Amino acid sequence: MHYNPKRSSALSLLVAWRISMEVMEQVDSEERRILMALSQAYQEWEQQTRRQGLQQERQSAIASLMRLRFGAVDSELQAIIPALMNLPTEQYTQLLWQLSRAELLQRFQA
């Protein structure tokens, strides 16, 4: 089955909602308020963790492509990875395969 991030997020929210509804029936209003705040904090943490994981995967993919193309990722190439991460995957992949090391550095160094 193809992984669908929107479906996965929706299912995660539904499961969290179902659990919270079961718990809410057994708690008073103060506990309910605390649980709602904790639930929101957990969802924010989970989203942030996913974003960080995706960023790390993207950074790793770019570094891998650089190693394949140039043999190593020195400090100059490492410095341009954040700029490449801001590009769509197709675009940074194309640039890494088409441009020379010097052209990449010239294009992305500030």
N, C-alpha and C. Protein backbone atom coordinates (compact mmCIF):
# COMPACT_ATOMS: atom_id res chain seq x y z
N MET A 1 0.84 -1.18 0.00
CA MET A 1 0.00 0.00 0.00
C MET A 1 0.88 1.24 0.00
N HIS A 2 0.54 2.21 -0.77
CA HIS A 2 1.29 3.46 -0.88
C HIS A 2 1.10 4.31 0.38
N TYR A 3 2.21 4.82 0.91
CA TYR A 3 2.13 5.66 2.11
C TYR A 3 1.55 7.02 1.75
N ASN A 4 0.50 7.40 2.47
CA ASN A 4 -0.14 8.69 2.24
C ASN A 4 -0.04 9.48 3.55
N PRO A 5 0.80 10.54 3.57
CA PRO A 5 0.99 11.28 4.82
C PRO A 5 -0.28 11.93 5.34
N LYS A 6 -1.16 12.39 4.46
CA LYS A 6 -2.42 13.00 4.91
C LYS A 6 -3.32 11.96 5.58
N ARG A 7 -3.38 10.78 4.99
CA ARG A 7 -4.19 9.70 5.58
C ARG A 7 -3.61 9.29 6.92
N SER A 8 -2.31 9.18 6.99
CA SER A 8 -1.66 8.80 8.24
C SER A 8 -1.92 9.83 9.33
N SER A 9 -1.85 11.10 8.98
CA SER A 9 -2.12 12.17 9.94
C SER A 9 -3.57 12.12 10.41
N ALA A 10 -4.47 11.91 9.47
CA ALA A 10 -5.90 11.85 9.82
C ALA A 10 -6.17 10.68 10.75
N LEU A 11 -5.57 9.52 10.45
CA LEU A 11 -5.76 8.36 11.32
C LEU A 11 -5.18 8.60 12.71
N SER A 12 -4.03 9.24 12.76
CA SER A 12 -3.41 9.56 14.04
C SER A 12 -4.32 10.47 14.87
N LEU A 13 -4.89 11.47 14.22
CA LEU A 13 -5.81 12.37 14.91
C LEU A 13 -7.07 11.65 15.38
N LEU A 14 -7.60 10.76 14.55
CA LEU A 14 -8.79 10.01 14.94
C LEU A 14 -8.53 9.10 16.13
N VAL A 15 -7.37 8.45 16.13
CA VAL A 15 -7.02 7.59 17.26
C VAL A 15 -6.87 8.43 18.53
N ALA A 16 -6.17 9.56 18.42
CA ALA A 16 -5.99 10.45 19.58
C ALA A 16 -7.35 10.95 20.07
N TRP A 17 -8.22 11.31 19.15
CA TRP A 17 -9.56 11.79 19.53
C TRP A 17 -10.34 10.70 20.25
N ARG A 18 -10.30 9.49 19.71
CA ARG A 18 -11.04 8.37 20.31
C ARG A 18 -10.54 8.10 21.73
N ILE A 19 -9.24 8.06 21.90
CA ILE A 19 -8.67 7.82 23.24
C ILE A 19 -9.06 8.95 24.18
N SER A 20 -8.95 10.18 23.70
CA SER A 20 -9.28 11.31 24.57
C SER A 20 -10.76 11.31 24.95
N MET A 21 -11.64 10.89 24.05
CA MET A 21 -13.07 10.82 24.37
C MET A 21 -13.33 9.79 25.47
N GLU A 22 -12.63 8.65 25.39
CA GLU A 22 -12.79 7.63 26.42
C GLU A 22 -12.29 8.13 27.77
N VAL A 23 -11.18 8.83 27.76
CA VAL A 23 -10.60 9.35 29.00
C VAL A 23 -11.45 10.49 29.54
N MET A 24 -11.95 11.34 28.67
CA MET A 24 -12.72 12.52 29.08
C MET A 24 -13.99 12.14 29.85
N GLU A 25 -14.56 11.01 29.52
CA GLU A 25 -15.77 10.58 30.20
C GLU A 25 -15.53 10.27 31.66
N GLN A 26 -14.25 10.05 32.02
CA GLN A 26 -13.93 9.61 33.37
C GLN A 26 -13.24 10.70 34.22
N VAL A 27 -13.15 11.92 33.71
CA VAL A 27 -12.42 12.95 34.44
C VAL A 27 -13.29 14.17 34.68
N ASP A 28 -12.87 14.98 35.65
CA ASP A 28 -13.62 16.21 35.93
C ASP A 28 -13.14 17.33 35.00
N SER A 29 -13.72 18.50 35.13
CA SER A 29 -13.44 19.59 34.19
C SER A 29 -11.99 20.08 34.26
N GLU A 30 -11.39 20.12 35.44
CA GLU A 30 -10.00 20.55 35.57
C GLU A 30 -9.06 19.54 34.92
N GLU A 31 -9.30 18.28 35.15
CA GLU A 31 -8.49 17.24 34.51
C GLU A 31 -8.68 17.27 33.00
N ARG A 32 -9.90 17.53 32.56
CA ARG A 32 -10.21 17.61 31.14
C ARG A 32 -9.42 18.75 30.49
N ARG A 33 -9.37 19.90 31.17
CA ARG A 33 -8.62 21.05 30.65
C ARG A 33 -7.13 20.70 30.52
N ILE A 34 -6.59 20.04 31.51
CA ILE A 34 -5.17 19.64 31.49
C ILE A 34 -4.91 18.64 30.38
N LEU A 35 -5.79 17.66 30.24
CA LEU A 35 -5.63 16.67 29.18
C LEU A 35 -5.70 17.29 27.80
N MET A 36 -6.57 18.25 27.61
CA MET A 36 -6.67 18.92 26.32
C MET A 36 -5.37 19.68 26.01
N ALA A 37 -4.83 20.36 27.02
CA ALA A 37 -3.57 21.09 26.82
C ALA A 37 -2.43 20.13 26.50
N LEU A 38 -2.37 19.01 27.22
CA LEU A 38 -1.33 18.02 26.96
C LEU A 38 -1.49 17.39 25.58
N SER A 39 -2.72 17.13 25.19
CA SER A 39 -2.98 16.56 23.87
C SER A 39 -2.49 17.50 22.77
N GLN A 40 -2.78 18.79 22.92
CA GLN A 40 -2.33 19.78 21.94
C GLN A 40 -0.80 19.85 21.92
N ALA A 41 -0.19 19.83 23.09
CA ALA A 41 1.28 19.88 23.18
C ALA A 41 1.89 18.65 22.52
N TYR A 42 1.27 17.48 22.73
CA TYR A 42 1.77 16.26 22.11
C TYR A 42 1.68 16.34 20.59
N GLN A 43 0.56 16.81 20.09
CA GLN A 43 0.39 16.91 18.63
C GLN A 43 1.41 17.87 18.03
N GLU A 44 1.67 18.98 18.69
CA GLU A 44 2.68 19.93 18.21
C GLU A 44 4.06 19.29 18.21
N TRP A 45 4.39 18.56 19.29
CA TRP A 45 5.67 17.88 19.37
C TRP A 45 5.80 16.84 18.25
N GLU A 46 4.75 16.08 18.03
CA GLU A 46 4.77 15.04 17.00
C GLU A 46 5.00 15.66 15.62
N GLN A 47 4.31 16.75 15.31
CA GLN A 47 4.49 17.42 14.02
C GLN A 47 5.90 17.96 13.87
N GLN A 48 6.42 18.56 14.92
CA GLN A 48 7.77 19.10 14.88
C GLN A 48 8.79 17.97 14.68
N THR A 49 8.58 16.87 15.35
CA THR A 49 9.48 15.72 15.22
C THR A 49 9.46 15.18 13.80
N ARG A 50 8.29 15.12 13.21
CA ARG A 50 8.19 14.66 11.81
C ARG A 50 8.92 15.61 10.87
N ARG A 51 8.71 16.93 11.07
CA ARG A 51 9.40 17.91 10.22
C ARG A 51 10.91 17.78 10.36
N GLN A 52 11.40 17.61 11.58
CA GLN A 52 12.83 17.47 11.80
C GLN A 52 13.36 16.20 11.13
N GLY A 53 12.60 15.13 11.22
CA GLY A 53 13.00 13.89 10.57
C GLY A 53 13.08 14.04 9.07
N LEU A 54 12.10 14.72 8.49
CA LEU A 54 12.12 14.95 7.04
C LEU A 54 13.28 15.85 6.65
N GLN A 55 13.58 16.84 7.46
CA GLN A 55 14.71 17.73 7.18
C GLN A 55 16.02 16.94 7.23
N GLN A 56 16.17 16.06 8.22
CA GLN A 56 17.38 15.26 8.34
C GLN A 56 17.51 14.30 7.16
N GLU A 57 16.40 13.71 6.73
CA GLU A 57 16.42 12.83 5.56
C GLU A 57 16.83 13.59 4.31
N ARG A 58 16.29 14.79 4.15
CA ARG A 58 16.60 15.63 2.99
C ARG A 58 18.08 16.00 3.00
N GLN A 59 18.58 16.41 4.16
CA GLN A 59 19.99 16.78 4.30
C GLN A 59 20.89 15.58 3.98
N SER A 60 20.52 14.43 4.47
CA SER A 60 21.29 13.21 4.22
C SER A 60 21.28 12.84 2.74
N ALA A 61 20.13 13.01 2.09
CA ALA A 61 20.04 12.71 0.65
C ALA A 61 20.94 13.63 -0.16
N ILE A 62 20.95 14.90 0.17
CA ILE A 62 21.79 15.86 -0.55
C ILE A 62 23.26 15.52 -0.33
N ALA A 63 23.65 15.24 0.90
CA ALA A 63 25.04 14.89 1.19
C ALA A 63 25.44 13.61 0.45
N SER A 64 24.53 12.64 0.37
CA SER A 64 24.82 11.40 -0.36
C SER A 64 25.04 11.66 -1.84
N LEU A 65 24.18 12.50 -2.41
CA LEU A 65 24.35 12.84 -3.82
C LEU A 65 25.68 13.55 -4.05
N MET A 66 26.05 14.43 -3.12
CA MET A 66 27.34 15.12 -3.23
C MET A 66 28.51 14.13 -3.17
N ARG A 67 28.43 13.16 -2.26
CA ARG A 67 29.50 12.16 -2.15
C ARG A 67 29.60 11.33 -3.43
N LEU A 68 28.45 10.96 -3.99
CA LEU A 68 28.46 10.19 -5.24
C LEU A 68 29.07 11.00 -6.38
N ARG A 69 28.73 12.26 -6.42
CA ARG A 69 29.16 13.12 -7.54
C ARG A 69 30.59 13.61 -7.38
N PHE A 70 30.96 14.00 -6.15
CA PHE A 70 32.26 14.66 -5.94
C PHE A 70 33.24 13.86 -5.08
N GLY A 71 32.81 12.72 -4.58
CA GLY A 71 33.70 11.87 -3.81
C GLY A 71 33.71 12.16 -2.32
N ALA A 72 33.44 13.38 -1.92
CA ALA A 72 33.44 13.75 -0.51
C ALA A 72 32.64 15.03 -0.33
N VAL A 73 32.26 15.27 0.91
CA VAL A 73 31.56 16.52 1.23
C VAL A 73 32.47 17.30 2.18
N ASP A 74 33.19 18.25 1.60
CA ASP A 74 34.08 19.07 2.42
C ASP A 74 33.29 20.22 3.04
N SER A 75 33.97 21.09 3.74
CA SER A 75 33.28 22.17 4.45
C SER A 75 32.59 23.15 3.49
N GLU A 76 33.16 23.36 2.31
CA GLU A 76 32.51 24.27 1.35
C GLU A 76 31.20 23.69 0.84
N LEU A 77 31.21 22.41 0.50
CA LEU A 77 29.97 21.77 0.05
C LEU A 77 28.97 21.67 1.19
N GLN A 78 29.44 21.36 2.39
CA GLN A 78 28.57 21.28 3.56
C GLN A 78 27.86 22.61 3.78
N ALA A 79 28.54 23.70 3.52
CA ALA A 79 27.97 25.04 3.76
C ALA A 79 26.82 25.37 2.82
N ILE A 80 26.75 24.74 1.66
CA ILE A 80 25.67 25.07 0.72
C ILE A 80 24.47 24.12 0.84
N ILE A 81 24.59 23.09 1.67
CA ILE A 81 23.48 22.15 1.84
C ILE A 81 22.19 22.85 2.29
N PRO A 82 22.23 23.78 3.27
CA PRO A 82 20.98 24.44 3.66
C PRO A 82 20.28 25.16 2.50
N ALA A 83 21.05 25.79 1.63
CA ALA A 83 20.45 26.47 0.47
C ALA A 83 19.80 25.45 -0.47
N LEU A 84 20.47 24.32 -0.67
CA LEU A 84 19.91 23.28 -1.53
C LEU A 84 18.65 22.66 -0.93
N MET A 85 18.60 22.59 0.40
CA MET A 85 17.43 22.01 1.07
C MET A 85 16.17 22.84 0.84
N ASN A 86 16.33 24.11 0.51
CA ASN A 86 15.17 24.97 0.26
C ASN A 86 14.57 24.76 -1.13
N LEU A 87 15.26 24.00 -1.96
CA LEU A 87 14.78 23.75 -3.32
C LEU A 87 13.94 22.48 -3.37
N PRO A 88 13.05 22.38 -4.37
CA PRO A 88 12.33 21.12 -4.57
C PRO A 88 13.33 20.00 -4.89
N THR A 89 12.98 18.78 -4.55
CA THR A 89 13.87 17.64 -4.74
C THR A 89 14.37 17.52 -6.17
N GLU A 90 13.49 17.63 -7.13
CA GLU A 90 13.89 17.51 -8.54
C GLU A 90 14.93 18.56 -8.90
N GLN A 91 14.75 19.77 -8.39
CA GLN A 91 15.66 20.85 -8.75
C GLN A 91 17.05 20.64 -8.15
N TYR A 92 17.13 20.32 -6.85
CA TYR A 92 18.47 20.15 -6.28
C TYR A 92 19.16 18.91 -6.86
N THR A 93 18.39 17.87 -7.16
CA THR A 93 18.98 16.68 -7.77
C THR A 93 19.56 17.00 -9.13
N GLN A 94 18.81 17.72 -9.93
CA GLN A 94 19.27 18.10 -11.26
C GLN A 94 20.53 18.96 -11.17
N LEU A 95 20.52 19.93 -10.27
CA LEU A 95 21.69 20.80 -10.12
C LEU A 95 22.92 20.02 -9.68
N LEU A 96 22.74 19.09 -8.74
CA LEU A 96 23.88 18.32 -8.26
C LEU A 96 24.47 17.42 -9.34
N TRP A 97 23.64 16.94 -10.27
CA TRP A 97 24.15 16.09 -11.34
C TRP A 97 24.69 16.88 -12.52
N GLN A 98 24.19 18.10 -12.73
CA GLN A 98 24.58 18.85 -13.91
C GLN A 98 25.73 19.84 -13.68
N LEU A 99 25.72 20.48 -12.53
CA LEU A 99 26.73 21.51 -12.29
C LEU A 99 28.01 20.92 -11.72
N SER A 100 29.10 21.57 -12.07
CA SER A 100 30.38 21.17 -11.47
C SER A 100 30.42 21.65 -10.03
N ARG A 101 31.41 21.19 -9.30
CA ARG A 101 31.58 21.61 -7.92
C ARG A 101 31.75 23.13 -7.85
N ALA A 102 32.57 23.66 -8.73
CA ALA A 102 32.82 25.11 -8.76
C ALA A 102 31.55 25.89 -9.08
N GLU A 103 30.74 25.37 -10.03
CA GLU A 103 29.50 26.05 -10.40
C GLU A 103 28.50 26.04 -9.25
N LEU A 104 28.42 24.92 -8.55
CA LEU A 104 27.54 24.83 -7.38
C LEU A 104 27.95 25.84 -6.31
N LEU A 105 29.24 25.86 -6.00
CA LEU A 105 29.72 26.79 -4.98
C LEU A 105 29.49 28.23 -5.39
N GLN A 106 29.74 28.54 -6.64
CA GLN A 106 29.53 29.91 -7.11
C GLN A 106 28.06 30.29 -7.02
N ARG A 107 27.19 29.38 -7.36
CA ARG A 107 25.75 29.68 -7.35
C ARG A 107 25.17 29.82 -5.94
N PHE A 108 25.66 29.04 -4.98
CA PHE A 108 25.03 29.02 -3.68
C PHE A 108 25.81 29.66 -2.54
N GLN A 109 27.04 30.01 -2.76
CA GLN A 109 27.77 30.70 -1.69
C GLN A 109 27.35 32.15 -1.66
N ALA A 110 27.21 32.67 -0.45
CA ALA A 110 26.76 34.05 -0.28
C ALA A 110 27.85 35.05 -0.59
